[in-house]
Protein backbone atom coordinates (compact mmCIF):
# COMPACT_ATOMS: atom_id res chain seq x y z
CA UNK A 1 9.90 -147.09 -23.92
CA UNK A 2 10.91 -150.42 -23.79
CA UNK A 3 10.78 -150.57 -19.97
CA UNK A 4 7.29 -149.76 -19.74
CA UNK A 5 6.67 -152.31 -22.57
CA UNK A 6 8.70 -154.58 -20.26
CA UNK A 7 7.02 -154.19 -17.29
CA UNK A 8 3.50 -154.45 -19.54
CA UNK A 9 4.67 -158.00 -20.60
CA UNK A 10 5.66 -158.99 -17.21
CA UNK A 11 1.88 -158.00 -15.30
CA UNK A 12 0.22 -159.41 -18.07
CA UNK A 13 2.17 -162.58 -19.21
CA UNK A 14 0.95 -164.74 -16.14
CA UNK A 15 -2.64 -163.47 -16.77
CA UNK A 16 -2.63 -164.24 -20.30
CA UNK A 17 -1.72 -168.18 -19.37
CA UNK A 18 -4.15 -168.05 -17.03
CA UNK A 19 -6.84 -167.36 -19.36
CA UNK A 20 -5.65 -169.23 -22.43
CA UNK A 21 -5.24 -172.16 -19.78
CA UNK A 22 -8.43 -171.73 -18.79
CA UNK A 23 -10.75 -174.84 -20.06
CA UNK A 24 -13.58 -172.88 -20.04
CA UNK A 25 -12.44 -169.37 -22.36
CA UNK A 26 -10.78 -171.79 -25.03
CA UNK A 27 -14.00 -173.68 -25.42
CA UNK A 28 -15.84 -170.40 -25.43
CA UNK A 29 -13.32 -168.87 -28.27
CA UNK A 30 -12.49 -171.72 -29.98
CA UNK A 31 -16.74 -172.38 -30.60
CA UNK A 32 -16.89 -168.72 -31.71
CA UNK A 33 -13.72 -169.10 -34.60
CA UNK A 34 -16.22 -171.85 -35.55
CA UNK A 35 -18.70 -169.57 -36.69
CA UNK A 36 -15.91 -166.85 -38.53
CA UNK A 37 -17.27 -168.64 -42.67
CA UNK A 38 -20.93 -168.18 -41.51
CA UNK A 39 -21.08 -164.68 -40.08
CA UNK A 40 -18.24 -163.87 -43.48
CA UNK A 41 -20.59 -165.12 -46.20
CA UNK A 42 -23.29 -163.50 -43.77
CA UNK A 43 -21.42 -160.16 -44.52
CA UNK A 44 -20.71 -160.24 -47.67
CA UNK A 45 -24.50 -160.79 -48.86
CA UNK A 46 -24.98 -157.55 -46.10
CA UNK A 47 -22.34 -156.01 -48.49
CA UNK A 48 -23.96 -157.04 -51.79
CA UNK A 49 -27.73 -155.41 -50.40
CA UNK A 50 -26.15 -151.95 -48.85
CA UNK A 51 -23.60 -151.51 -52.19
CA UNK A 52 -26.02 -148.95 -54.03
CA UNK A 53 -27.28 -147.51 -51.17
CA UNK A 54 -23.20 -146.53 -50.42
CA UNK A 55 -22.38 -146.49 -54.12
CA UNK A 56 -24.45 -143.81 -55.65
CA UNK A 57 -22.84 -144.51 -58.75
CA UNK A 58 -24.24 -148.00 -59.24
CA UNK A 59 -27.94 -148.93 -59.78
CA UNK A 60 -29.87 -149.77 -57.28
CA UNK A 61 -31.71 -153.19 -57.00
CA UNK A 62 -35.14 -153.70 -56.78
CA UNK A 63 -37.03 -154.72 -54.20
CA UNK A 64 -37.37 -157.99 -54.53
CA UNK A 65 -33.51 -158.08 -55.49
CA UNK A 66 -32.34 -156.21 -52.17
CA UNK A 67 -35.06 -158.56 -50.09
CA UNK A 68 -32.91 -162.01 -51.25
CA UNK A 69 -29.79 -160.44 -51.09
CA UNK A 70 -31.03 -159.90 -47.19
CA UNK A 71 -32.34 -163.71 -46.31
CA UNK A 72 -28.77 -165.46 -46.30
CA UNK A 73 -27.74 -162.82 -43.96
CA UNK A 74 -31.26 -162.97 -41.75
CA UNK A 75 -30.41 -166.76 -42.11
CA UNK A 76 -27.37 -166.64 -40.58
CA UNK A 77 -27.89 -164.39 -37.97
CA UNK A 78 -31.33 -165.43 -36.79
CA UNK A 79 -29.79 -169.37 -36.36
CA UNK A 80 -25.93 -168.35 -34.93
CA UNK A 81 -27.61 -169.07 -30.93
CA UNK A 82 -28.30 -172.06 -32.30
CA UNK A 83 -25.48 -172.52 -34.08
CA UNK A 84 -23.60 -171.37 -31.15
CA UNK A 85 -25.03 -173.78 -28.63
CA UNK A 86 -23.61 -176.74 -31.09
CA UNK A 87 -20.43 -175.35 -31.64
CA UNK A 88 -19.44 -174.34 -27.83
CA UNK A 89 -20.22 -177.69 -26.45
CA UNK A 90 -18.92 -179.51 -29.26
CA UNK A 91 -15.96 -177.79 -28.55
CA UNK A 92 -16.13 -178.07 -24.44
CA UNK A 93 -16.36 -181.97 -24.72
CA UNK A 94 -13.25 -182.28 -25.84
CA UNK A 95 -11.71 -181.42 -22.24
CA UNK A 96 -13.00 -184.52 -21.29
CA UNK A 97 -12.15 -187.97 -22.71
CA UNK A 98 -15.32 -190.03 -22.32
CA UNK A 99 -17.56 -187.31 -23.66
CA UNK A 100 -18.83 -187.48 -27.40
CA UNK A 101 -18.37 -184.64 -28.84
CA UNK A 102 -21.38 -184.41 -31.57
CA UNK A 103 -23.97 -185.84 -28.37
CA UNK A 104 -22.55 -182.63 -26.44
CA UNK A 105 -23.30 -180.64 -29.30
CA UNK A 106 -26.68 -182.09 -30.33
CA UNK A 107 -27.94 -182.35 -25.95
CA UNK A 108 -26.67 -178.68 -25.83
CA UNK A 109 -28.90 -177.63 -28.79
CA UNK A 110 -31.87 -179.38 -27.51
CA UNK A 111 -31.53 -177.95 -23.87
CA UNK A 112 -31.08 -174.60 -25.52
CA UNK A 113 -34.07 -174.71 -27.93
CA UNK A 114 -35.93 -176.02 -23.84
CA UNK A 115 -34.54 -172.94 -21.96
CA UNK A 116 -35.09 -170.45 -24.09
CA UNK A 117 -38.71 -171.42 -26.33
CA UNK A 118 -41.82 -170.02 -25.24
CA UNK A 119 -44.94 -172.81 -26.14
CA UNK A 120 -47.44 -171.19 -27.32
CA UNK A 121 -50.56 -173.06 -29.99
CA UNK A 122 -48.34 -176.08 -30.63
CA UNK A 123 -45.32 -173.35 -31.70
CA UNK A 124 -42.58 -172.27 -30.17
CA UNK A 125 -41.40 -168.63 -30.44
CA UNK A 126 -37.35 -167.83 -30.42
CA UNK A 127 -37.35 -164.45 -29.58
CA UNK A 128 -35.33 -165.15 -26.23
CA UNK A 129 -32.35 -166.52 -28.16
CA UNK A 130 -29.46 -165.31 -27.41
CA UNK A 131 -25.43 -165.66 -27.60
CA UNK A 132 -24.87 -165.12 -23.82
CA UNK A 133 -27.58 -167.42 -22.83
CA UNK A 134 -26.51 -170.04 -25.44
CA UNK A 135 -23.34 -170.34 -23.96
CA UNK A 136 -24.03 -170.69 -21.19
CA UNK A 137 -26.48 -173.71 -21.98
CA UNK A 138 -23.50 -175.00 -23.69
CA UNK A 139 -21.42 -174.90 -20.65
CA UNK A 140 -23.54 -176.23 -18.12
CA UNK A 141 -24.93 -178.60 -20.35
CA UNK A 142 -21.47 -180.57 -21.47
CA UNK A 143 -20.21 -179.95 -17.35
CA UNK A 144 -24.00 -182.02 -16.65
CA UNK A 145 -23.15 -184.84 -19.30
CA UNK A 146 -19.41 -185.55 -17.77
CA UNK A 147 -20.75 -184.73 -14.11
CA UNK A 148 -23.47 -188.41 -15.43
CA UNK A 149 -20.89 -190.13 -17.93
CA UNK A 150 -18.31 -189.25 -14.56
CA UNK A 151 -21.09 -190.92 -12.01
CA UNK A 152 -22.04 -194.02 -14.39
CA UNK A 153 -25.94 -192.33 -14.79
CA UNK A 154 -25.98 -194.10 -18.34
CA UNK A 155 -27.21 -197.59 -19.91
CA UNK A 156 -23.85 -199.69 -21.02
CA UNK A 157 -24.31 -201.87 -23.34
CA UNK A 158 -22.74 -205.14 -23.74
CA UNK A 159 -19.25 -205.48 -25.69
CA UNK A 160 -20.66 -207.08 -28.71
CA UNK A 161 -22.92 -204.00 -29.24
CA UNK A 162 -21.74 -201.60 -32.41
CA UNK A 163 -20.01 -198.60 -30.62
CA UNK A 164 -22.97 -196.22 -32.55
CA UNK A 165 -25.75 -197.81 -31.12
CA UNK A 166 -23.75 -198.69 -27.62
CA UNK A 167 -23.46 -194.66 -27.39
CA UNK A 168 -27.15 -193.82 -28.06
CA UNK A 169 -28.18 -196.07 -25.24
CA UNK A 170 -25.20 -194.81 -22.70
CA UNK A 171 -26.97 -190.88 -24.04
CA UNK A 172 -30.74 -191.62 -23.02
CA UNK A 173 -30.47 -191.20 -18.98
CA UNK A 174 -28.01 -187.91 -19.29
CA UNK A 175 -31.01 -186.99 -22.08
CA UNK A 176 -33.53 -187.80 -19.85
CA UNK A 177 -31.63 -185.24 -16.92
CA UNK A 178 -30.86 -182.66 -19.32
CA UNK A 179 -33.97 -181.87 -20.46
CA UNK A 180 -35.85 -182.28 -17.22
CA UNK A 181 -33.47 -179.90 -16.13
CA UNK A 182 -33.42 -177.06 -18.49
CA UNK A 183 -37.08 -177.73 -19.68
CA UNK A 184 -38.03 -178.02 -15.91
CA UNK A 185 -35.86 -174.89 -15.72
CA UNK A 186 -37.62 -172.47 -18.17
CA UNK A 187 -41.45 -174.16 -16.87
CA UNK A 188 -40.48 -172.45 -13.46
CA UNK A 189 -38.99 -169.30 -14.37
CA UNK A 190 -42.17 -168.71 -17.05
CA UNK A 191 -44.23 -169.30 -14.34
CA UNK A 192 -42.61 -166.84 -11.88
CA UNK A 193 -42.08 -164.19 -14.53
CA UNK A 194 -44.67 -165.21 -17.57
CA UNK A 195 -41.15 -164.94 -19.69
CA UNK A 196 -38.54 -167.54 -20.38
């Protein structure tokens, strides 16, 4: 048995090393791990709501209490894709020294909403918000932002300008390009397929 485990370790260790050193996979893992407290809180409310249904000896919740207990669960999981788009981008931007993690998270969130939403009558629908699309948007938006900053497609302010103001102006051109790419892509897909 030990011989088999040694062979298995010999085969899987290099693969595990490559996967753990991949910046994209590491960013996804760290971004999703950041959501653990939220999923635990949602699970607690879900368990509380379901407990009287499973344990028949407990008194049943009224309809109002039952619905109220599901609100935190529904809100957390309803917003999960939005949160993932922020956390994965935030973590992924840490791979680059010249990137502002908070700005990248916000840009990814904006790009995800623009890409995955449909707009009708001045309102938007979130029916296409999915975690897979959120992860892809986060990774692509950070990579595009880094590419634009690396190639100096930004407004460079004098050193006398406070850093927060300077960072805001530096993000203007990359933001404009990212919004154009993601929203333009959404408009193109909607015009071709009818769906976001």
